[in-house]
Amino acid sequence: PCVDRQARLALDRIAFFRRKSAIPGRYQNVFLDLSLRYDHLEGPARTMFLVALDEAREVVKTYQSQPRGLYLYGPTGSGKTLLSCAILNEILRLYQTGVQYAKISRDVLGKLKATFNPNAENYGEGQAIEERLARVPALVIDDFGVHRESPWVNSVLYDLIDARYENQLLTILTSNEPL
């Protein structure tokens, strides 16, 4: 047997899950190490980012034994998306498991709404989309709170977060609004 076989298989798994992750290209090689850029932040924003960075490291460290949710909030440009994608990249690298990045309006609600249109490519696939989001081991929902509230939106989001909570799957929400 080839001595590199296990490493090649691991790299193949990582590449497979990365292709399915929808992590934006600019964040695909961002990790929770010293190269993570936050030097543009000053004062309280820098302090809060460092606190969030410590929490992000803890989330990755305890991912398999104690998955939990994380809510990152702050103004535009404070590093929420950067940090959440870094968490996904670390989980992908260390645990070689499925991760998913989704913008709430475009990738969650927009795709679900499109399934109601008979002319849409994904017509009738709403339940499959919801199940996929509910079952992926680690999910980032970016820009939570920018959507318009309605009974349908609230129901979809409640069901998604509740299913993930019941199955003890990591869910990370980013928002410009405090909880």
Protein backbone atom coordinates (compact mmCIF):
# COMPACT_ATOMS: atom_id res chain seq x y z
CA PRO A 1 0.00 0.00 0.00
CA CYS A 2 1.03 3.56 -0.73
CA VAL A 3 2.34 5.40 2.35
CA ASP A 4 0.59 8.58 1.22
CA ARG A 5 -2.81 6.93 0.73
CA GLN A 6 -4.40 8.15 3.99
CA ALA A 7 -3.21 11.70 3.40
CA ARG A 8 -4.49 11.68 -0.18
CA LEU A 9 -7.87 10.34 0.95
CA ALA A 10 -8.09 13.06 3.59
CA LEU A 11 -7.24 15.73 1.02
CA ASP A 12 -9.84 14.29 -1.35
CA ARG A 13 -12.50 14.44 1.42
CA ILE A 14 -11.55 18.03 2.22
CA ALA A 15 -11.69 19.02 -1.47
CA PHE A 16 -15.08 17.31 -1.86
CA PHE A 17 -16.61 19.09 1.14
CA ARG A 18 -15.00 22.42 0.16
CA ARG A 19 -16.65 22.30 -3.27
CA LYS A 20 -20.06 21.78 -1.63
CA SER A 21 -19.51 24.36 1.16
CA ALA A 22 -20.36 27.57 -0.76
CA ILE A 23 -17.71 29.41 1.27
CA PRO A 24 -16.99 32.59 -0.73
CA GLY A 25 -13.68 32.45 -2.60
CA ARG A 26 -12.14 35.31 -0.66
CA TYR A 27 -12.61 33.37 2.59
CA GLN A 28 -11.67 29.85 1.47
CA ASN A 29 -8.13 30.00 2.85
CA VAL A 30 -8.79 31.90 6.07
CA PHE A 31 -8.05 30.05 9.30
CA LEU A 32 -7.97 30.83 13.03
CA ASP A 33 -4.23 31.41 13.19
CA LEU A 34 -1.91 34.36 13.53
CA SER A 35 -2.40 35.32 9.88
CA LEU A 36 -6.06 36.23 10.50
CA ARG A 37 -6.20 39.92 9.67
CA TYR A 38 -7.80 42.25 12.19
CA ASP A 39 -5.16 45.00 12.42
CA HIS A 40 -7.54 47.48 10.76
CA LEU A 41 -9.74 47.35 13.86
CA GLU A 42 -9.07 49.73 16.75
CA GLY A 43 -10.26 50.27 20.31
CA PRO A 44 -13.39 48.43 21.44
CA ALA A 45 -13.93 46.87 17.99
CA ARG A 46 -10.50 45.22 18.18
CA THR A 47 -11.15 44.00 21.74
CA MET A 48 -14.51 42.53 20.78
CA PHE A 49 -12.99 40.81 17.75
CA LEU A 50 -10.30 39.22 19.94
CA VAL A 51 -12.98 37.99 22.38
CA ALA A 52 -14.94 36.53 19.43
CA LEU A 53 -11.72 34.95 18.11
CA ASP A 54 -11.15 33.19 21.44
CA GLU A 55 -14.75 31.93 21.38
CA ALA A 56 -14.32 30.77 17.76
CA ARG A 57 -11.26 28.75 18.75
CA GLU A 58 -13.25 27.16 21.58
CA VAL A 59 -16.09 26.28 19.18
CA VAL A 60 -13.63 24.50 16.87
CA LYS A 61 -11.84 22.78 19.77
CA THR A 62 -15.09 21.38 21.23
CA TYR A 63 -16.82 20.80 17.88
CA GLN A 64 -17.09 17.02 18.13
CA SER A 65 -17.63 16.69 21.84
CA GLN A 66 -19.91 19.65 22.50
CA PRO A 67 -21.24 21.39 19.38
CA ARG A 68 -23.07 24.59 20.15
CA GLY A 69 -24.34 27.67 18.45
CA LEU A 70 -22.61 31.00 18.02
CA TYR A 71 -24.13 34.42 17.36
CA LEU A 72 -21.68 36.99 15.99
CA TYR A 73 -22.89 40.57 15.70
CA GLY A 74 -21.37 43.92 14.96
CA PRO A 75 -21.27 46.66 12.36
CA THR A 76 -20.36 46.10 8.74
CA GLY A 77 -16.63 45.44 8.38
CA SER A 78 -16.12 44.14 11.90
CA GLY A 79 -15.05 40.65 10.73
CA LYS A 80 -18.16 38.56 11.36
CA THR A 81 -18.14 36.80 7.99
CA LEU A 82 -14.36 36.43 8.05
CA LEU A 83 -14.46 34.79 11.46
CA SER A 84 -17.43 32.52 10.70
CA CYS A 85 -15.79 31.29 7.48
CA ALA A 86 -12.52 30.72 9.34
CA ILE A 87 -14.43 28.47 11.75
CA LEU A 88 -15.89 26.51 8.81
CA ASN A 89 -12.44 26.15 7.23
CA GLU A 90 -10.95 24.88 10.50
CA ILE A 91 -13.74 22.33 10.95
CA LEU A 92 -13.33 21.22 7.36
CA ARG A 93 -9.56 20.88 7.76
CA LEU A 94 -9.52 19.21 11.19
CA TYR A 95 -12.63 17.02 11.05
CA GLN A 96 -13.09 16.49 7.29
CA THR A 97 -16.84 16.87 7.49
CA GLY A 98 -19.51 18.81 5.66
CA VAL A 99 -19.84 22.54 6.24
CA GLN A 100 -22.11 25.10 4.58
CA TYR A 101 -22.06 28.87 4.21
CA ALA A 102 -25.37 30.56 3.35
CA LYS A 103 -26.50 34.17 3.04
CA ILE A 104 -29.93 34.29 4.61
CA SER A 105 -31.71 36.26 1.89
CA ARG A 106 -30.06 34.71 -1.17
CA ASP A 107 -29.14 31.15 -0.18
CA VAL A 108 -31.87 30.28 2.29
CA LEU A 109 -35.03 32.32 1.76
CA GLY A 110 -34.41 33.16 -1.91
CA LYS A 111 -33.79 29.55 -2.91
CA LEU A 112 -36.82 28.37 -0.97
CA LYS A 113 -39.08 31.00 -2.54
CA ALA A 114 -37.83 30.02 -6.01
CA THR A 115 -39.05 26.45 -5.46
CA PHE A 116 -42.64 27.73 -5.62
CA ASN A 117 -42.18 28.98 -9.19
CA PRO A 118 -43.11 26.29 -11.78
CA ASN A 119 -40.58 27.80 -14.21
CA ALA A 120 -37.70 27.65 -11.72
CA GLU A 121 -34.89 25.14 -12.09
CA ASN A 122 -35.44 23.89 -8.54
CA TYR A 123 -39.26 23.89 -8.61
CA GLY A 124 -40.69 21.67 -5.89
CA GLU A 125 -37.35 21.08 -4.16
CA GLY A 126 -38.06 23.22 -1.10
CA GLN A 127 -38.15 20.34 1.32
CA ALA A 128 -34.87 18.95 -0.01
CA ILE A 129 -33.20 22.34 0.43
CA GLU A 130 -34.53 22.64 3.97
CA GLU A 131 -33.38 19.11 4.85
CA ARG A 132 -29.92 19.73 3.42
CA LEU A 133 -29.53 22.88 5.54
CA ALA A 134 -30.95 21.13 8.59
CA ARG A 135 -28.50 18.22 8.33
CA VAL A 136 -25.15 19.70 7.32
CA PRO A 137 -22.82 19.24 10.31
CA ALA A 138 -21.74 22.92 10.49
CA LEU A 139 -23.77 25.81 9.06
CA VAL A 140 -23.15 29.56 8.88
CA ILE A 141 -26.18 31.74 8.19
CA ASP A 142 -24.77 35.15 7.28
CA ASP A 143 -26.60 38.47 7.62
CA PHE A 144 -29.31 37.16 9.92
CA GLY A 145 -31.90 39.85 10.55
CA VAL A 146 -31.72 41.62 7.18
CA HIS A 147 -34.72 39.69 5.88
CA ARG A 148 -38.30 40.91 6.04
CA GLU A 149 -40.27 39.17 8.69
CA SER A 150 -43.42 37.30 7.79
CA PRO A 151 -45.16 34.26 9.24
CA TRP A 152 -43.61 32.09 6.48
CA VAL A 153 -40.07 33.44 7.06
CA ASN A 154 -40.36 33.06 10.82
CA SER A 155 -41.65 29.51 10.43
CA VAL A 156 -38.84 28.50 8.03
CA LEU A 157 -36.14 29.97 10.27
CA TYR A 158 -37.63 28.53 13.45
CA ASP A 159 -37.89 25.05 11.93
CA LEU A 160 -34.33 25.19 10.58
CA ILE A 161 -32.72 26.38 13.81
CA ASP A 162 -34.86 24.05 15.93
CA ALA A 163 -33.96 21.00 13.81
CA ARG A 164 -30.27 21.85 14.06
CA TYR A 165 -30.55 22.39 17.82
CA GLU A 166 -32.33 19.07 18.36
CA ASN A 167 -29.68 17.25 16.32
CA GLN A 168 -26.85 19.04 18.18
CA LEU A 169 -25.39 20.53 15.00
CA LEU A 170 -23.23 23.65 14.98
CA THR A 171 -25.09 26.74 13.77
CA ILE A 172 -23.36 30.11 13.47
CA LEU A 173 -25.43 33.21 12.85
CA THR A 174 -23.92 36.58 11.90
CA SER A 175 -25.86 39.80 12.16
CA ASN A 176 -25.54 43.57 12.32
CA GLU A 177 -28.04 43.52 15.19
CA PRO A 178 -27.43 42.44 18.79
CA LEU A 179 -29.35 39.39 19.92
